[in-house]
Amino acid sequence: GNVRVNQAGLSLTSQRLTVAYANGGGTNVSIQRLDATGGVTVKSAGETATGQIAIYDLPRRLKILAQQNKKSWLHATLNIGMGEDDKTTAPAVAVSPEGKPLPPKRPGLRESGMFLINPPHTLKASLNEALPQVLAYLGRGRGKGFAVEAAG
C-alpha cells in the first residue's frame, strides 16, 4: 500500500505497483511494463488522471499501432550499466568551498531507447553492429547491454 513514484515531472500514487522487467541479454534488465492498481493517481504539469487501474506498456502499444497500420517498426535500447563510481560516496550533506550545500552526486542517464515506425531497412543491421562497440566503450558494469528488435 501507499506506493509513490516520481520521475521527470510525473508522479504516480497507488495501493499496489507491479513492475515487469525485460532481460535484453546478459545483465541488461529494463522496465517494460508498470501495472498500478487501487486508487491510482497520475499527475504531471497541469494534468491529473485518476482511476483504479493504470498500465504503462509503451513499446507494446507502439508495436500494435504500427502493425495495425501495416508499417514496419524497430525498437532499440542501450543500457550502459552501473559502475562503482555511480554510487553516491559523498557525505550526507556535501558543501561547496563557500559553505553552501551541494546536491548529491547523481549517476546520470544509464539507459536510453528509441522506437521507430517505418525505419530505414538497413537500420537493424547497423545497430546490431554499432551497439556492441558503443557498449564496449561506454559500458560501466552491472546491468549493461542492448536490445534491437524489429518487424514488418
N, C-alpha and C. Protein backbone atom coordinates (compact mmCIF):
# COMPACT_ATOMS: atom_id res chain seq x y z
N GLY A 1 0.80 -1.19 0.00
CA GLY A 1 0.00 0.00 0.00
C GLY A 1 0.85 1.26 0.00
N ASN A 2 0.22 2.35 -0.32
CA ASN A 2 0.85 3.67 -0.31
C ASN A 2 2.09 3.77 -1.19
N VAL A 3 1.98 3.33 -2.44
CA VAL A 3 3.07 3.41 -3.40
C VAL A 3 3.16 4.84 -3.91
N ARG A 4 4.39 5.37 -3.99
CA ARG A 4 4.64 6.70 -4.55
C ARG A 4 5.84 6.60 -5.47
N VAL A 5 5.66 7.05 -6.73
CA VAL A 5 6.73 7.05 -7.72
C VAL A 5 6.79 8.44 -8.34
N ASN A 6 8.00 9.00 -8.41
CA ASN A 6 8.20 10.32 -9.02
C ASN A 6 9.38 10.24 -9.97
N GLN A 7 9.19 10.74 -11.19
CA GLN A 7 10.29 10.82 -12.14
C GLN A 7 9.94 11.81 -13.25
N ALA A 8 10.90 12.66 -13.56
CA ALA A 8 10.80 13.59 -14.70
C ALA A 8 9.48 14.36 -14.72
N GLY A 9 9.09 14.90 -13.57
CA GLY A 9 7.88 15.71 -13.53
C GLY A 9 6.58 14.94 -13.52
N LEU A 10 6.64 13.63 -13.43
CA LEU A 10 5.45 12.79 -13.41
C LEU A 10 5.41 12.07 -12.07
N SER A 11 4.24 12.05 -11.44
CA SER A 11 4.11 11.31 -10.18
C SER A 11 2.95 10.33 -10.28
N LEU A 12 3.12 9.19 -9.63
CA LEU A 12 2.10 8.14 -9.61
C LEU A 12 1.94 7.69 -8.17
N THR A 13 0.71 7.60 -7.71
CA THR A 13 0.42 7.01 -6.40
C THR A 13 -0.61 5.91 -6.61
N SER A 14 -0.50 4.84 -5.82
CA SER A 14 -1.45 3.74 -5.90
C SER A 14 -1.29 2.87 -4.66
N GLN A 15 -2.17 1.90 -4.50
CA GLN A 15 -2.05 0.95 -3.40
C GLN A 15 -1.05 -0.16 -3.72
N ARG A 16 -0.93 -0.47 -5.03
CA ARG A 16 -0.03 -1.56 -5.43
C ARG A 16 0.58 -1.23 -6.79
N LEU A 17 1.84 -1.58 -6.96
CA LEU A 17 2.53 -1.37 -8.24
C LEU A 17 3.33 -2.61 -8.57
N THR A 18 3.08 -3.17 -9.75
CA THR A 18 3.83 -4.33 -10.23
C THR A 18 4.70 -3.87 -11.38
N VAL A 19 5.98 -4.21 -11.31
CA VAL A 19 6.93 -3.81 -12.34
C VAL A 19 7.40 -5.06 -13.08
N ALA A 20 7.26 -5.05 -14.41
CA ALA A 20 7.73 -6.17 -15.24
C ALA A 20 9.03 -5.74 -15.91
N TYR A 21 10.06 -6.53 -15.69
CA TYR A 21 11.36 -6.26 -16.28
C TYR A 21 11.58 -7.15 -17.49
N ALA A 22 12.40 -6.67 -18.41
CA ALA A 22 12.78 -7.47 -19.58
C ALA A 22 14.29 -7.61 -19.57
N ASN A 23 14.75 -8.79 -19.90
CA ASN A 23 16.18 -9.04 -19.97
C ASN A 23 16.59 -8.98 -21.42
N GLY A 24 17.44 -8.01 -21.77
CA GLY A 24 17.91 -7.83 -23.14
C GLY A 24 19.15 -8.63 -23.44
N GLY A 25 19.52 -9.55 -22.61
CA GLY A 25 20.71 -10.36 -22.81
C GLY A 25 21.73 -10.04 -21.74
N GLY A 26 22.34 -11.06 -21.18
CA GLY A 26 23.32 -10.84 -20.12
C GLY A 26 22.65 -10.22 -18.91
N THR A 27 23.20 -9.12 -18.47
CA THR A 27 22.65 -8.45 -17.30
C THR A 27 21.85 -7.21 -17.65
N ASN A 28 21.48 -7.06 -18.93
CA ASN A 28 20.70 -5.90 -19.37
C ASN A 28 19.24 -6.10 -19.00
N VAL A 29 18.81 -5.46 -17.93
CA VAL A 29 17.44 -5.57 -17.46
C VAL A 29 16.83 -4.18 -17.47
N SER A 30 15.64 -4.05 -18.06
CA SER A 30 14.98 -2.76 -18.10
C SER A 30 13.48 -2.93 -17.82
N ILE A 31 12.86 -1.85 -17.37
CA ILE A 31 11.43 -1.87 -17.09
C ILE A 31 10.68 -1.86 -18.42
N GLN A 32 9.76 -2.80 -18.59
CA GLN A 32 8.96 -2.88 -19.80
C GLN A 32 7.50 -2.54 -19.55
N ARG A 33 7.03 -2.75 -18.32
CA ARG A 33 5.61 -2.53 -18.06
C ARG A 33 5.42 -2.21 -16.58
N LEU A 34 4.49 -1.28 -16.31
CA LEU A 34 4.08 -0.96 -14.95
C LEU A 34 2.58 -1.17 -14.85
N ASP A 35 2.13 -1.89 -13.84
CA ASP A 35 0.71 -2.09 -13.57
C ASP A 35 0.41 -1.52 -12.19
N ALA A 36 -0.35 -0.44 -12.11
CA ALA A 36 -0.72 0.17 -10.84
C ALA A 36 -2.20 -0.12 -10.59
N THR A 37 -2.53 -0.49 -9.35
CA THR A 37 -3.92 -0.79 -9.00
C THR A 37 -4.27 -0.17 -7.66
N GLY A 38 -5.54 0.16 -7.51
CA GLY A 38 -6.06 0.66 -6.25
C GLY A 38 -5.83 2.14 -6.03
N GLY A 39 -6.83 2.96 -6.27
CA GLY A 39 -6.73 4.39 -6.03
C GLY A 39 -5.57 5.05 -6.76
N VAL A 40 -5.47 4.80 -8.05
CA VAL A 40 -4.35 5.29 -8.86
C VAL A 40 -4.55 6.77 -9.20
N THR A 41 -3.50 7.55 -9.00
CA THR A 41 -3.47 8.95 -9.42
C THR A 41 -2.16 9.19 -10.15
N VAL A 42 -2.26 9.73 -11.35
CA VAL A 42 -1.08 10.09 -12.14
C VAL A 42 -1.15 11.59 -12.37
N LYS A 43 -0.06 12.31 -11.99
CA LYS A 43 -0.03 13.77 -12.13
C LYS A 43 1.19 14.19 -12.93
N SER A 44 0.96 15.17 -13.80
CA SER A 44 2.06 15.84 -14.49
C SER A 44 1.73 17.33 -14.45
N ALA A 45 2.57 18.15 -15.04
CA ALA A 45 2.36 19.59 -15.00
C ALA A 45 0.97 19.95 -15.53
N GLY A 46 0.09 20.36 -14.64
CA GLY A 46 -1.22 20.83 -15.05
C GLY A 46 -2.25 19.76 -15.36
N GLU A 47 -1.90 18.48 -15.26
CA GLU A 47 -2.86 17.41 -15.58
C GLU A 47 -2.87 16.37 -14.48
N THR A 48 -4.06 15.82 -14.23
CA THR A 48 -4.22 14.75 -13.25
C THR A 48 -5.20 13.73 -13.80
N ALA A 49 -4.84 12.45 -13.68
CA ALA A 49 -5.73 11.36 -14.09
C ALA A 49 -5.89 10.43 -12.89
N THR A 50 -7.12 9.96 -12.66
CA THR A 50 -7.39 9.04 -11.56
C THR A 50 -8.14 7.83 -12.07
N GLY A 51 -8.02 6.74 -11.33
CA GLY A 51 -8.73 5.52 -11.69
C GLY A 51 -8.33 4.40 -10.74
N GLN A 52 -8.81 3.22 -11.02
CA GLN A 52 -8.48 2.07 -10.19
C GLN A 52 -7.33 1.26 -10.77
N ILE A 53 -7.07 1.40 -12.09
CA ILE A 53 -6.01 0.64 -12.76
C ILE A 53 -5.30 1.56 -13.74
N ALA A 54 -3.96 1.47 -13.79
CA ALA A 54 -3.18 2.18 -14.80
C ALA A 54 -2.10 1.22 -15.30
N ILE A 55 -1.96 1.12 -16.61
CA ILE A 55 -0.97 0.23 -17.21
C ILE A 55 -0.09 1.05 -18.15
N TYR A 56 1.22 0.92 -17.97
CA TYR A 56 2.18 1.56 -18.87
C TYR A 56 2.94 0.45 -19.59
N ASP A 57 2.76 0.37 -20.88
CA ASP A 57 3.46 -0.61 -21.72
C ASP A 57 3.64 0.02 -23.09
N LEU A 58 4.45 1.07 -23.16
CA LEU A 58 4.58 1.84 -24.38
C LEU A 58 5.11 1.04 -25.56
N PRO A 59 6.20 0.27 -25.44
CA PRO A 59 6.67 -0.47 -26.62
C PRO A 59 5.59 -1.38 -27.22
N ARG A 60 4.83 -2.05 -26.38
CA ARG A 60 3.77 -2.94 -26.88
C ARG A 60 2.71 -2.15 -27.64
N ARG A 61 2.31 -1.01 -27.08
CA ARG A 61 1.28 -0.19 -27.73
C ARG A 61 1.77 0.35 -29.07
N LEU A 62 3.03 0.76 -29.14
CA LEU A 62 3.57 1.26 -30.39
C LEU A 62 3.68 0.15 -31.44
N LYS A 63 4.04 -1.06 -31.01
CA LYS A 63 4.12 -2.19 -31.94
C LYS A 63 2.74 -2.48 -32.53
N ILE A 64 1.72 -2.49 -31.67
CA ILE A 64 0.35 -2.75 -32.14
C ILE A 64 -0.08 -1.66 -33.11
N LEU A 65 0.21 -0.40 -32.78
CA LEU A 65 -0.16 0.71 -33.66
C LEU A 65 0.50 0.55 -35.03
N ALA A 66 1.78 0.21 -35.06
CA ALA A 66 2.49 0.03 -36.33
C ALA A 66 1.90 -1.14 -37.12
N GLN A 67 1.64 -2.24 -36.44
CA GLN A 67 1.09 -3.42 -37.13
C GLN A 67 -0.30 -3.14 -37.67
N GLN A 68 -1.12 -2.43 -36.92
CA GLN A 68 -2.48 -2.11 -37.39
C GLN A 68 -2.43 -1.24 -38.65
N ASN A 69 -1.39 -0.45 -38.79
CA ASN A 69 -1.24 0.43 -39.95
C ASN A 69 -0.30 -0.16 -40.99
N LYS A 70 0.01 -1.46 -40.84
CA LYS A 70 0.85 -2.18 -41.80
C LYS A 70 2.18 -1.48 -42.05
N LYS A 71 2.80 -1.04 -40.94
CA LYS A 71 4.09 -0.37 -41.01
C LYS A 71 5.14 -1.21 -40.28
N SER A 72 6.36 -1.16 -40.76
CA SER A 72 7.45 -1.82 -40.06
C SER A 72 7.83 -0.98 -38.84
N TRP A 73 8.49 -1.60 -37.87
CA TRP A 73 8.92 -0.89 -36.68
C TRP A 73 10.25 -1.43 -36.19
N LEU A 74 10.93 -0.63 -35.38
CA LEU A 74 12.19 -1.03 -34.77
C LEU A 74 12.24 -0.45 -33.37
N HIS A 75 12.63 -1.27 -32.40
CA HIS A 75 12.76 -0.84 -31.00
C HIS A 75 14.17 -1.19 -30.56
N ALA A 76 14.95 -0.18 -30.18
CA ALA A 76 16.33 -0.41 -29.74
C ALA A 76 16.54 0.24 -28.38
N THR A 77 17.27 -0.45 -27.50
CA THR A 77 17.62 0.10 -26.20
C THR A 77 19.10 -0.13 -25.94
N LEU A 78 19.70 0.77 -25.19
CA LEU A 78 21.10 0.67 -24.78
C LEU A 78 21.17 1.01 -23.31
N ASN A 79 21.75 0.12 -22.51
CA ASN A 79 21.94 0.34 -21.09
C ASN A 79 23.43 0.23 -20.81
N ILE A 80 24.04 1.33 -20.38
CA ILE A 80 25.49 1.30 -20.14
C ILE A 80 25.85 0.72 -18.78
N GLY A 81 24.85 0.40 -17.97
CA GLY A 81 25.10 -0.24 -16.69
C GLY A 81 25.44 0.74 -15.60
N MET A 82 25.75 0.18 -14.44
CA MET A 82 26.08 1.00 -13.28
C MET A 82 27.40 0.51 -12.70
N GLY A 83 28.39 1.38 -12.70
CA GLY A 83 29.68 1.05 -12.13
C GLY A 83 29.77 1.49 -10.69
N GLU A 84 30.88 1.20 -10.06
CA GLU A 84 31.09 1.58 -8.66
C GLU A 84 31.07 3.11 -8.50
N ASP A 85 31.51 3.85 -9.52
CA ASP A 85 31.54 5.31 -9.44
C ASP A 85 30.15 5.92 -9.42
N ASP A 86 29.12 5.16 -9.81
CA ASP A 86 27.77 5.69 -9.86
C ASP A 86 27.12 5.78 -8.49
N LYS A 87 27.69 5.12 -7.53
CA LYS A 87 27.11 5.14 -6.19
C LYS A 87 27.52 6.42 -5.50
N THR A 88 26.59 7.00 -4.78
CA THR A 88 26.89 8.24 -4.08
C THR A 88 27.85 7.93 -2.94
N THR A 89 29.03 8.53 -3.02
CA THR A 89 30.03 8.32 -1.98
C THR A 89 30.23 9.57 -1.15
N ALA A 90 29.56 10.65 -1.52
CA ALA A 90 29.70 11.90 -0.79
C ALA A 90 29.03 11.79 0.58
N PRO A 91 29.47 12.63 1.53
CA PRO A 91 28.79 12.62 2.83
C PRO A 91 27.33 13.02 2.67
N ALA A 92 26.55 12.78 3.70
CA ALA A 92 25.11 13.05 3.62
C ALA A 92 24.83 14.49 3.18
N VAL A 93 25.62 15.45 3.65
CA VAL A 93 25.46 16.83 3.23
C VAL A 93 26.83 17.34 2.78
N ALA A 94 27.04 17.38 1.48
CA ALA A 94 28.28 17.92 0.94
C ALA A 94 28.14 19.43 0.84
N VAL A 95 29.25 20.15 1.05
CA VAL A 95 29.20 21.61 0.98
C VAL A 95 30.25 22.12 0.02
N SER A 96 29.96 23.25 -0.60
CA SER A 96 30.88 23.90 -1.52
C SER A 96 31.95 24.63 -0.71
N PRO A 97 33.02 25.10 -1.38
CA PRO A 97 34.03 25.89 -0.67
C PRO A 97 33.44 27.13 0.00
N GLU A 98 32.30 27.63 -0.52
CA GLU A 98 31.64 28.79 0.07
C GLU A 98 30.74 28.39 1.24
N GLY A 99 30.65 27.11 1.54
CA GLY A 99 29.83 26.64 2.64
C GLY A 99 28.39 26.37 2.29
N LYS A 100 28.04 26.40 1.00
CA LYS A 100 26.66 26.14 0.59
C LYS A 100 26.47 24.65 0.35
N PRO A 101 25.28 24.11 0.70
CA PRO A 101 25.03 22.69 0.46
C PRO A 101 25.06 22.37 -1.04
N LEU A 102 25.64 21.24 -1.37
CA LEU A 102 25.69 20.78 -2.76
C LEU A 102 24.68 19.66 -2.96
N PRO A 103 24.11 19.55 -4.16
CA PRO A 103 23.19 18.43 -4.42
C PRO A 103 23.98 17.12 -4.40
N PRO A 104 23.31 16.01 -4.07
CA PRO A 104 24.01 14.73 -4.07
C PRO A 104 24.46 14.34 -5.47
N LYS A 105 25.52 13.57 -5.53
CA LYS A 105 26.03 13.08 -6.82
C LYS A 105 24.99 12.17 -7.44
N ARG A 106 24.73 12.37 -8.74
CA ARG A 106 23.76 11.54 -9.46
C ARG A 106 24.47 10.79 -10.56
N PRO A 107 24.02 9.59 -10.85
CA PRO A 107 24.73 8.77 -11.84
C PRO A 107 24.53 9.17 -13.29
N GLY A 108 23.57 10.04 -13.59
CA GLY A 108 23.32 10.42 -14.98
C GLY A 108 22.49 9.38 -15.71
N LEU A 109 22.30 9.61 -16.98
CA LEU A 109 21.48 8.72 -17.81
C LEU A 109 22.22 7.41 -18.05
N ARG A 110 21.61 6.29 -17.66
CA ARG A 110 22.24 4.99 -17.86
C ARG A 110 21.60 4.20 -18.99
N GLU A 111 20.35 4.52 -19.31
CA GLU A 111 19.67 3.74 -20.34
C GLU A 111 18.90 4.67 -21.26
N SER A 112 18.88 4.33 -22.52
CA SER A 112 18.14 5.10 -23.50
C SER A 112 17.57 4.14 -24.54
N GLY A 113 16.55 4.59 -25.22
CA GLY A 113 15.96 3.74 -26.24
C GLY A 113 15.25 4.58 -27.29
N MET A 114 14.90 3.91 -28.36
CA MET A 114 14.14 4.58 -29.40
C MET A 114 13.19 3.57 -30.02
N PHE A 115 12.07 4.10 -30.49
CA PHE A 115 11.08 3.29 -31.19
C PHE A 115 10.78 4.01 -32.49
N LEU A 116 11.03 3.37 -33.61
CA LEU A 116 10.80 3.98 -34.91
C LEU A 116 9.73 3.21 -35.67
N ILE A 117 8.83 3.93 -36.27
CA ILE A 117 7.86 3.34 -37.18
C ILE A 117 8.34 3.65 -38.59
N ASN A 118 8.38 2.62 -39.42
CA ASN A 118 8.87 2.71 -40.79
C ASN A 118 10.35 3.12 -40.83
N PRO A 119 11.21 2.36 -40.11
CA PRO A 119 12.64 2.70 -40.08
C PRO A 119 13.33 2.35 -41.40
N PRO A 120 14.51 2.93 -41.64
CA PRO A 120 15.28 2.53 -42.83
C PRO A 120 15.56 1.02 -42.77
N HIS A 121 15.51 0.35 -43.90
CA HIS A 121 15.63 -1.12 -43.89
C HIS A 121 17.00 -1.60 -43.44
N THR A 122 18.01 -0.76 -43.44
CA THR A 122 19.35 -1.17 -43.02
C THR A 122 19.65 -0.86 -41.55
N LEU A 123 18.72 -0.19 -40.86
CA LEU A 123 18.99 0.27 -39.51
C LEU A 123 19.22 -0.86 -38.51
N LYS A 124 18.42 -1.92 -38.57
CA LYS A 124 18.57 -3.01 -37.60
C LYS A 124 19.97 -3.61 -37.69
N ALA A 125 20.44 -3.91 -38.88
CA ALA A 125 21.78 -4.48 -39.05
C ALA A 125 22.84 -3.49 -38.58
N SER A 126 22.66 -2.22 -38.89
CA SER A 126 23.64 -1.21 -38.48
C SER A 126 23.70 -1.09 -36.96
N LEU A 127 22.54 -1.10 -36.29
CA LEU A 127 22.52 -1.01 -34.83
C LEU A 127 23.12 -2.26 -34.20
N ASN A 128 22.83 -3.44 -34.76
CA ASN A 128 23.40 -4.68 -34.23
C ASN A 128 24.92 -4.70 -34.36
N GLU A 129 25.44 -3.98 -35.32
CA GLU A 129 26.89 -3.87 -35.49
C GLU A 129 27.48 -2.78 -34.59
N ALA A 130 26.80 -1.64 -34.48
CA ALA A 130 27.34 -0.49 -33.76
C ALA A 130 27.16 -0.56 -32.24
N LEU A 131 26.02 -1.06 -31.76
CA LEU A 131 25.76 -1.01 -30.33
C LEU A 131 26.76 -1.82 -29.49
N PRO A 132 27.24 -2.99 -29.94
CA PRO A 132 28.27 -3.65 -29.14
C PRO A 132 29.54 -2.81 -28.99
N GLN A 133 29.88 -2.05 -30.02
CA GLN A 133 31.06 -1.18 -29.94
C GLN A 133 30.82 -0.02 -28.97
N VAL A 134 29.62 0.56 -29.02
CA VAL A 134 29.28 1.64 -28.10
C VAL A 134 29.30 1.11 -26.67
N LEU A 135 28.75 -0.08 -26.47
CA LEU A 135 28.70 -0.69 -25.15
C LEU A 135 30.10 -1.00 -24.63
N ALA A 136 30.99 -1.46 -25.51
CA ALA A 136 32.37 -1.74 -25.10
C ALA A 136 33.07 -0.46 -24.63
N TYR A 137 32.75 0.66 -25.24
CA TYR A 137 33.38 1.92 -24.89
C TYR A 137 32.74 2.57 -23.66
N LEU A 138 31.41 2.56 -23.59
CA LEU A 138 30.69 3.26 -22.52
C LEU A 138 30.26 2.38 -21.36
N GLY A 139 30.23 1.06 -21.55
CA GLY A 139 29.71 0.16 -20.52
C GLY A 139 30.43 0.32 -19.20
N ARG A 140 29.65 0.30 -18.09
CA ARG A 140 30.21 0.56 -16.77
C ARG A 140 30.01 -0.57 -15.77
N GLY A 141 29.58 -1.70 -16.19
CA GLY A 141 29.43 -2.78 -15.20
C GLY A 141 28.05 -3.38 -15.19
N ARG A 142 27.59 -3.67 -13.97
CA ARG A 142 26.34 -4.39 -13.76
C ARG A 142 25.19 -3.73 -14.50
N GLY A 143 24.44 -4.52 -15.28
CA GLY A 143 23.26 -4.05 -15.98
C GLY A 143 23.49 -3.60 -17.40
N LYS A 144 24.73 -3.66 -17.89
CA LYS A 144 24.97 -3.18 -19.26
C LYS A 144 24.46 -4.18 -20.29
N GLY A 145 24.01 -3.65 -21.42
CA GLY A 145 23.54 -4.50 -22.50
C GLY A 145 22.75 -3.68 -23.52
N PHE A 146 22.31 -4.33 -24.55
CA PHE A 146 21.49 -3.67 -25.56
C PHE A 146 20.51 -4.67 -26.13
N ALA A 147 19.48 -4.13 -26.78
CA ALA A 147 18.49 -4.97 -27.46
C ALA A 147 18.02 -4.25 -28.71
N VAL A 148 17.87 -5.00 -29.78
CA VAL A 148 17.32 -4.47 -31.02
C VAL A 148 16.29 -5.47 -31.50
N GLU A 149 15.05 -5.03 -31.67
CA GLU A 149 14.03 -5.91 -32.22
C GLU A 149 13.26 -5.13 -33.28
N ALA A 150 12.82 -5.85 -34.29
CA ALA A 150 12.11 -5.20 -35.39
C ALA A 150 11.15 -6.19 -36.05
N ALA A 151 10.18 -5.64 -36.75
CA ALA A 151 9.24 -6.47 -37.51
C ALA A 151 8.63 -5.62 -38.61
N GLY A 152 8.05 -6.36 -39.56
CA GLY A 152 7.32 -5.67 -40.62
C GLY A 152 8.09 -5.49 -41.88
